[in-house]
C-alpha cells in the first residue's frame, strides 16, 4: 500500500463549498471507515485549501477516491497536487 498526500485548492465559490460540505464530509467518513483515508482537513490560514492523506493500492485507486468526492462533482476543486509520501515514523509507518 502506498501513502499519498493530496492538496486541494478550492475555487472562490465558498457558498457552493459550504452547501456541499456535509456531503463531502460524509463521503470522506466512508473512505476513512474503509481505511482508504487516513486524515483530512482544511488549512487554518491562507488560501482555501485542504490536505488529505490516503493509503491506497495504486494511483488508479486514488483517482477513483478523488473522483467520487462531491467537491469534485461540483467542480469547486480548482487544483489538486498529489505527492507520494514515504512515512518513516509514526502510526502510519510500516513496522520496523
N, C-alpha and C. Protein backbone atom coordinates (compact mmCIF):
# COMPACT_ATOMS: atom_id res chain seq x y z
N UNK A 1 0.85 -1.18 0.00
CA UNK A 1 0.00 0.00 0.00
C UNK A 1 0.89 1.24 0.00
N UNK A 2 0.42 2.25 -0.69
CA UNK A 2 1.17 3.49 -0.84
C UNK A 2 0.39 4.62 -0.17
N UNK A 3 1.13 5.53 0.45
CA UNK A 3 0.50 6.70 1.07
C UNK A 3 0.73 7.90 0.18
N UNK A 4 -0.34 8.67 -0.02
CA UNK A 4 -0.30 9.88 -0.82
C UNK A 4 -0.80 11.06 -0.01
N UNK A 5 -0.10 12.16 -0.11
CA UNK A 5 -0.57 13.44 0.44
C UNK A 5 -1.18 14.20 -0.73
N UNK A 6 -2.41 14.64 -0.55
CA UNK A 6 -3.15 15.33 -1.60
C UNK A 6 -3.54 16.71 -1.09
N UNK A 7 -3.18 17.72 -1.86
CA UNK A 7 -3.59 19.08 -1.50
C UNK A 7 -4.65 19.55 -2.49
N UNK A 8 -5.82 19.89 -1.94
CA UNK A 8 -6.88 20.50 -2.73
C UNK A 8 -6.75 22.01 -2.62
N UNK A 9 -6.91 22.71 -3.72
CA UNK A 9 -7.09 24.15 -3.72
C UNK A 9 -8.49 24.40 -4.24
N UNK A 10 -9.26 25.18 -3.52
CA UNK A 10 -10.66 25.42 -3.87
C UNK A 10 -10.81 26.70 -4.68
N UNK A 11 -11.87 26.75 -5.49
CA UNK A 11 -12.17 27.99 -6.21
C UNK A 11 -12.84 28.98 -5.25
N UNK A 12 -13.26 30.10 -5.78
CA UNK A 12 -13.77 31.20 -4.95
C UNK A 12 -15.22 30.99 -4.50
N UNK A 13 -15.87 29.93 -4.93
CA UNK A 13 -17.30 29.75 -4.61
C UNK A 13 -17.50 29.14 -3.22
N UNK A 14 -17.26 29.94 -2.21
CA UNK A 14 -17.41 29.47 -0.83
C UNK A 14 -18.85 29.05 -0.54
N UNK A 15 -19.81 29.69 -1.19
CA UNK A 15 -21.21 29.34 -0.96
C UNK A 15 -21.50 27.90 -1.41
N UNK A 16 -20.95 27.49 -2.54
CA UNK A 16 -21.13 26.12 -3.01
C UNK A 16 -20.39 25.16 -2.09
N UNK A 17 -19.19 25.52 -1.71
CA UNK A 17 -18.39 24.69 -0.78
C UNK A 17 -19.16 24.48 0.52
N UNK A 18 -19.73 25.54 1.06
CA UNK A 18 -20.49 25.43 2.30
C UNK A 18 -21.71 24.53 2.15
N UNK A 19 -22.38 24.64 1.00
CA UNK A 19 -23.59 23.85 0.76
C UNK A 19 -23.26 22.36 0.62
N UNK A 20 -22.15 22.04 -0.03
CA UNK A 20 -21.79 20.65 -0.33
C UNK A 20 -20.96 20.01 0.79
N UNK A 21 -20.42 20.81 1.69
CA UNK A 21 -19.51 20.30 2.73
C UNK A 21 -20.07 19.11 3.51
N UNK A 22 -21.34 19.11 3.95
CA UNK A 22 -21.81 17.93 4.70
C UNK A 22 -21.72 16.64 3.88
N UNK A 23 -22.06 16.69 2.59
CA UNK A 23 -21.96 15.51 1.74
C UNK A 23 -20.50 15.12 1.53
N UNK A 24 -19.64 16.10 1.34
CA UNK A 24 -18.20 15.87 1.21
C UNK A 24 -17.67 15.15 2.46
N UNK A 25 -18.03 15.63 3.62
CA UNK A 25 -17.53 15.02 4.87
C UNK A 25 -18.10 13.62 5.07
N UNK A 26 -19.35 13.40 4.68
CA UNK A 26 -19.92 12.05 4.75
C UNK A 26 -19.14 11.10 3.85
N UNK A 27 -18.79 11.57 2.65
CA UNK A 27 -18.02 10.76 1.72
C UNK A 27 -16.64 10.43 2.30
N UNK A 28 -15.99 11.42 2.88
CA UNK A 28 -14.68 11.19 3.48
C UNK A 28 -14.78 10.23 4.65
N UNK A 29 -15.87 10.28 5.40
CA UNK A 29 -16.06 9.36 6.53
C UNK A 29 -16.11 7.91 6.02
N UNK A 30 -16.78 7.69 4.90
CA UNK A 30 -16.83 6.35 4.31
C UNK A 30 -15.42 5.88 3.93
N UNK A 31 -14.65 6.77 3.29
CA UNK A 31 -13.28 6.41 2.92
C UNK A 31 -12.43 6.12 4.16
N UNK A 32 -12.65 6.88 5.21
CA UNK A 32 -11.92 6.65 6.47
C UNK A 32 -12.31 5.29 7.06
N UNK A 33 -13.60 5.00 7.08
CA UNK A 33 -14.07 3.74 7.64
C UNK A 33 -13.50 2.53 6.89
N UNK A 34 -13.29 2.67 5.59
CA UNK A 34 -12.74 1.55 4.82
C UNK A 34 -11.21 1.52 4.85
N UNK A 35 -10.58 2.50 5.50
CA UNK A 35 -9.13 2.52 5.65
C UNK A 35 -8.39 3.21 4.52
N UNK A 36 -9.12 3.81 3.59
CA UNK A 36 -8.51 4.49 2.46
C UNK A 36 -8.00 5.88 2.85
N UNK A 37 -8.77 6.60 3.63
CA UNK A 37 -8.41 7.96 4.06
C UNK A 37 -7.85 7.89 5.48
N UNK A 38 -6.64 8.41 5.66
CA UNK A 38 -6.03 8.42 6.98
C UNK A 38 -6.31 9.70 7.74
N UNK A 39 -6.38 10.82 7.04
CA UNK A 39 -6.62 12.12 7.68
C UNK A 39 -7.03 13.12 6.62
N UNK A 40 -7.76 14.15 7.04
CA UNK A 40 -8.10 15.24 6.12
C UNK A 40 -8.52 16.46 6.92
N UNK A 41 -8.39 17.61 6.29
CA UNK A 41 -8.85 18.83 6.91
C UNK A 41 -8.33 20.06 6.19
N UNK A 42 -9.02 21.17 6.38
CA UNK A 42 -8.60 22.42 5.74
C UNK A 42 -7.40 23.02 6.46
N UNK A 43 -6.61 23.79 5.70
CA UNK A 43 -5.55 24.56 6.33
C UNK A 43 -6.20 25.71 7.10
N UNK A 44 -5.60 26.08 8.21
CA UNK A 44 -6.18 27.09 9.10
C UNK A 44 -5.97 28.51 8.61
N UNK A 45 -5.03 28.71 7.71
CA UNK A 45 -4.77 30.07 7.24
C UNK A 45 -4.45 30.06 5.75
N UNK A 46 -4.38 31.23 5.17
CA UNK A 46 -4.02 31.34 3.77
C UNK A 46 -5.18 31.08 2.83
N UNK A 47 -4.83 30.63 1.64
CA UNK A 47 -5.82 30.34 0.60
C UNK A 47 -6.74 29.20 1.05
N UNK A 48 -7.93 29.11 0.44
CA UNK A 48 -8.82 27.99 0.78
C UNK A 48 -8.28 26.68 0.20
N UNK A 49 -7.63 25.91 1.06
CA UNK A 49 -7.02 24.64 0.67
C UNK A 49 -7.22 23.61 1.77
N UNK A 50 -6.99 22.35 1.42
CA UNK A 50 -7.09 21.27 2.39
C UNK A 50 -6.03 20.22 2.08
N UNK A 51 -5.67 19.45 3.10
CA UNK A 51 -4.74 18.34 2.96
C UNK A 51 -5.50 17.06 3.27
N UNK A 52 -5.33 16.07 2.41
CA UNK A 52 -5.93 14.75 2.60
C UNK A 52 -4.81 13.72 2.48
N UNK A 53 -4.80 12.73 3.34
CA UNK A 53 -3.77 11.70 3.31
C UNK A 53 -4.47 10.36 3.09
N UNK A 54 -4.07 9.68 2.01
CA UNK A 54 -4.69 8.42 1.61
C UNK A 54 -3.69 7.28 1.67
N UNK A 55 -4.20 6.08 1.95
CA UNK A 55 -3.43 4.84 1.82
C UNK A 55 -4.20 3.96 0.84
N UNK A 56 -3.60 3.75 -0.35
CA UNK A 56 -4.29 3.00 -1.41
C UNK A 56 -3.31 2.06 -2.10
N UNK A 57 -3.86 1.16 -2.90
CA UNK A 57 -3.05 0.19 -3.64
C UNK A 57 -2.20 0.87 -4.71
N UNK A 58 -2.81 1.83 -5.43
CA UNK A 58 -2.11 2.43 -6.57
C UNK A 58 -2.79 3.75 -6.94
N UNK A 59 -2.24 4.42 -7.94
CA UNK A 59 -2.80 5.72 -8.34
C UNK A 59 -4.20 5.58 -8.93
N UNK A 60 -4.50 4.44 -9.53
CA UNK A 60 -5.86 4.24 -10.05
C UNK A 60 -6.87 4.26 -8.91
N UNK A 61 -6.55 3.63 -7.79
CA UNK A 61 -7.45 3.64 -6.63
C UNK A 61 -7.56 5.04 -6.05
N UNK A 62 -6.46 5.77 -6.04
CA UNK A 62 -6.50 7.15 -5.56
C UNK A 62 -7.37 8.00 -6.47
N UNK A 63 -7.19 7.85 -7.78
CA UNK A 63 -8.00 8.61 -8.73
C UNK A 63 -9.48 8.33 -8.54
N UNK A 64 -9.84 7.09 -8.29
CA UNK A 64 -11.23 6.72 -8.06
C UNK A 64 -11.77 7.40 -6.81
N UNK A 65 -10.97 7.38 -5.74
CA UNK A 65 -11.40 8.02 -4.49
C UNK A 65 -11.59 9.52 -4.68
N UNK A 66 -10.66 10.16 -5.36
CA UNK A 66 -10.76 11.61 -5.57
C UNK A 66 -11.94 11.96 -6.47
N UNK A 67 -12.18 11.16 -7.49
CA UNK A 67 -13.27 11.44 -8.43
C UNK A 67 -14.64 11.31 -7.77
N UNK A 68 -14.74 10.48 -6.73
CA UNK A 68 -16.02 10.29 -6.05
C UNK A 68 -16.37 11.39 -5.07
N UNK A 69 -15.46 12.29 -4.81
CA UNK A 69 -15.68 13.36 -3.84
C UNK A 69 -16.75 14.33 -4.37
N UNK A 70 -17.77 14.62 -3.58
CA UNK A 70 -18.78 15.58 -4.00
C UNK A 70 -18.20 16.95 -4.36
N UNK A 71 -17.10 17.35 -3.73
CA UNK A 71 -16.46 18.61 -4.13
C UNK A 71 -15.97 18.53 -5.58
N UNK A 72 -15.46 17.37 -5.99
CA UNK A 72 -15.02 17.20 -7.38
C UNK A 72 -16.24 17.25 -8.31
N UNK A 73 -17.30 16.58 -7.92
CA UNK A 73 -18.52 16.58 -8.73
C UNK A 73 -19.04 17.99 -8.99
N UNK A 74 -18.96 18.84 -7.96
CA UNK A 74 -19.46 20.21 -8.07
C UNK A 74 -18.46 21.15 -8.75
N UNK A 75 -17.24 20.66 -9.02
CA UNK A 75 -16.26 21.45 -9.73
C UNK A 75 -15.64 22.58 -8.93
N UNK A 76 -15.66 22.47 -7.61
CA UNK A 76 -15.11 23.56 -6.79
C UNK A 76 -13.64 23.35 -6.43
N UNK A 77 -13.08 22.21 -6.85
CA UNK A 77 -11.65 21.98 -6.63
C UNK A 77 -10.92 22.57 -7.82
N UNK A 78 -10.22 23.67 -7.58
CA UNK A 78 -9.51 24.37 -8.65
C UNK A 78 -8.16 23.73 -8.96
N UNK A 79 -7.59 23.03 -8.00
CA UNK A 79 -6.30 22.39 -8.21
C UNK A 79 -6.10 21.22 -7.27
N UNK A 80 -5.36 20.23 -7.74
CA UNK A 80 -5.04 19.05 -6.93
C UNK A 80 -3.55 18.77 -7.10
N UNK A 81 -2.85 18.71 -5.99
CA UNK A 81 -1.44 18.31 -6.00
C UNK A 81 -1.34 16.97 -5.29
N UNK A 82 -0.81 15.97 -5.95
CA UNK A 82 -0.66 14.64 -5.38
C UNK A 82 0.82 14.34 -5.25
N UNK A 83 1.21 13.93 -4.05
CA UNK A 83 2.60 13.55 -3.79
C UNK A 83 2.62 12.21 -3.07
N UNK A 84 3.40 11.27 -3.60
CA UNK A 84 3.62 10.03 -2.86
C UNK A 84 4.46 10.36 -1.65
N UNK A 85 4.11 9.78 -0.52
CA UNK A 85 4.75 10.13 0.74
C UNK A 85 5.32 8.88 1.37
N UNK A 86 6.61 8.90 1.68
CA UNK A 86 7.25 7.79 2.36
C UNK A 86 7.24 8.08 3.86
N UNK A 87 6.40 7.38 4.57
CA UNK A 87 6.28 7.58 6.02
C UNK A 87 7.32 6.70 6.70
N UNK A 88 8.17 7.33 7.51
CA UNK A 88 9.26 6.62 8.17
C UNK A 88 8.93 6.38 9.64
N UNK A 89 8.32 7.36 10.29
CA UNK A 89 7.99 7.26 11.72
C UNK A 89 6.54 7.65 11.92
N UNK A 90 5.94 7.09 12.97
CA UNK A 90 4.58 7.45 13.33
C UNK A 90 3.60 6.31 13.11
N UNK A 91 2.35 6.54 13.45
CA UNK A 91 1.36 5.47 13.41
C UNK A 91 1.07 4.93 12.00
N UNK A 92 1.41 5.66 10.96
CA UNK A 92 1.15 5.20 9.59
C UNK A 92 2.38 4.52 8.98
N UNK A 93 3.49 4.53 9.69
CA UNK A 93 4.73 3.93 9.18
C UNK A 93 4.61 2.41 9.18
N UNK A 94 5.26 1.76 8.21
CA UNK A 94 5.28 0.31 8.24
C UNK A 94 6.06 -0.20 9.44
N UNK A 95 5.78 -1.41 9.89
CA UNK A 95 6.52 -1.95 11.04
C UNK A 95 8.02 -2.01 10.73
N UNK A 96 8.79 -1.71 11.75
CA UNK A 96 10.26 -1.71 11.58
C UNK A 96 10.81 -3.11 11.49
